[in-house]
Protein backbone atom coordinates (compact mmCIF):
# COMPACT_ATOMS: atom_id res chain seq x y z
CA UNK A 1 21.67 34.59 -21.08
CA UNK A 2 23.46 34.69 -23.86
CA UNK A 3 25.71 32.15 -22.29
CA UNK A 4 25.42 27.99 -22.06
CA UNK A 5 26.57 26.86 -17.56
CA UNK A 6 28.67 24.05 -20.44
CA UNK A 7 30.36 27.56 -22.22
CA UNK A 8 30.97 29.01 -18.65
CA UNK A 9 32.16 25.80 -17.09
CA UNK A 10 34.78 26.35 -19.52
CA UNK A 11 35.40 30.06 -19.10
CA UNK A 12 35.86 29.43 -15.73
CA UNK A 13 38.92 25.83 -16.13
CA UNK A 14 40.35 28.85 -18.74
CA UNK A 15 41.39 31.43 -16.20
CA UNK A 16 41.96 28.79 -13.54
CA UNK A 17 44.36 27.82 -15.51
CA UNK A 18 45.51 30.79 -16.59
CA UNK A 19 45.98 32.42 -13.45
CA UNK A 20 47.67 29.47 -12.01
CA UNK A 21 50.29 29.51 -15.32
CA UNK A 22 50.15 33.20 -14.73
CA UNK A 23 51.45 33.17 -10.88
CA UNK A 24 48.23 35.28 -9.85
CA UNK A 25 46.38 32.48 -7.58
CA UNK A 26 47.87 29.88 -5.90
CA UNK A 27 44.56 27.45 -4.87
CA UNK A 28 45.21 26.45 -1.50
CA UNK A 29 41.46 24.01 -0.83
CA UNK A 30 39.94 22.08 -4.20
CA UNK A 31 40.38 23.14 -7.51
CA UNK A 32 36.70 22.43 -8.99
CA UNK A 33 35.86 23.68 -6.06
CA UNK A 34 37.31 27.00 -6.60
CA UNK A 35 36.50 26.49 -10.42
CA UNK A 36 32.53 25.88 -9.32
CA UNK A 37 32.84 29.31 -6.85
CA UNK A 38 33.88 31.33 -10.15
CA UNK A 39 31.36 29.80 -11.94
CA UNK A 40 28.78 30.87 -9.50
CA UNK A 41 30.11 34.68 -10.06
CA UNK A 42 29.52 34.55 -13.57
CA UNK A 43 26.59 32.92 -13.73
CA UNK A 44 24.93 34.68 -10.89
CA UNK A 45 26.05 38.29 -13.51
CA UNK A 46 25.25 36.76 -16.68
CA UNK A 47 21.30 36.52 -14.45
CA UNK A 48 21.09 40.35 -13.29
CA UNK A 49 21.01 40.91 -17.02
CA UNK A 50 18.62 38.47 -17.76
CA UNK A 51 16.20 39.48 -14.40
CA UNK A 52 16.41 43.19 -15.63
CA UNK A 53 15.22 42.15 -19.26
CA UNK A 54 12.41 40.17 -17.28
CA UNK A 55 11.07 43.51 -15.63
CA UNK A 56 11.67 45.45 -18.51
CA UNK A 57 9.22 43.09 -20.35
CA UNK A 58 7.10 43.50 -17.72
CA UNK A 59 6.93 47.09 -17.58
CA UNK A 60 6.19 47.33 -21.38
CA UNK A 61 2.67 45.57 -21.29
CA UNK A 62 1.00 48.86 -20.01
CA UNK A 63 2.14 49.75 -23.83
CA UNK A 64 1.13 46.46 -25.43
CA UNK A 65 -2.17 48.42 -27.01
CA UNK A 66 0.59 50.96 -28.37
CA UNK A 67 2.94 48.31 -29.72
CA UNK A 68 0.56 46.20 -31.12
CA UNK A 69 -0.53 49.28 -33.41
CA UNK A 70 2.69 50.72 -34.43
CA UNK A 71 2.45 53.56 -32.48
CA UNK A 72 5.24 52.70 -30.18
CA UNK A 73 9.02 50.19 -31.67
CA UNK A 74 8.66 47.72 -29.63
CA UNK A 75 12.78 47.34 -29.62
CA UNK A 76 13.72 50.76 -29.38
CA UNK A 77 11.30 51.27 -26.42
CA UNK A 78 12.63 48.09 -24.68
CA UNK A 79 16.39 49.07 -25.46
CA UNK A 80 15.71 52.46 -23.92
CA UNK A 81 14.11 51.49 -21.17
CA UNK A 82 16.34 49.03 -20.47
CA UNK A 83 19.32 51.68 -20.64
CA UNK A 84 17.99 53.95 -17.95
CA UNK A 85 16.86 51.33 -15.32
CA UNK A 86 20.87 49.84 -15.58
CA UNK A 87 21.95 53.60 -15.33
CA UNK A 88 20.05 53.87 -12.55
CA UNK A 89 21.40 51.01 -10.68
CA UNK A 90 24.61 50.88 -11.07
CA UNK A 91 24.37 47.59 -13.67
CA UNK A 92 26.98 47.31 -16.39
CA UNK A 93 26.02 45.96 -19.24
């Protein structure tokens, strides 16, 4: 995940404040619980990319020797495989 949990919390709080200021949302229940739900949604979405990255690394272990010998560029292969899997699964990066 590229963002810290503290940064995600700040984003969630800012979103809620802005939505309230603009009249786009009226919080009936606990404001803190609403922020925590947004927090959870953002963190879950960010973890999708983390899981995809881990899967791509696992798939590329089969080419470890070729990568070490310089026959395959790890970063280029990583990007290609990640893009392909994301497209197949409908993940927007």
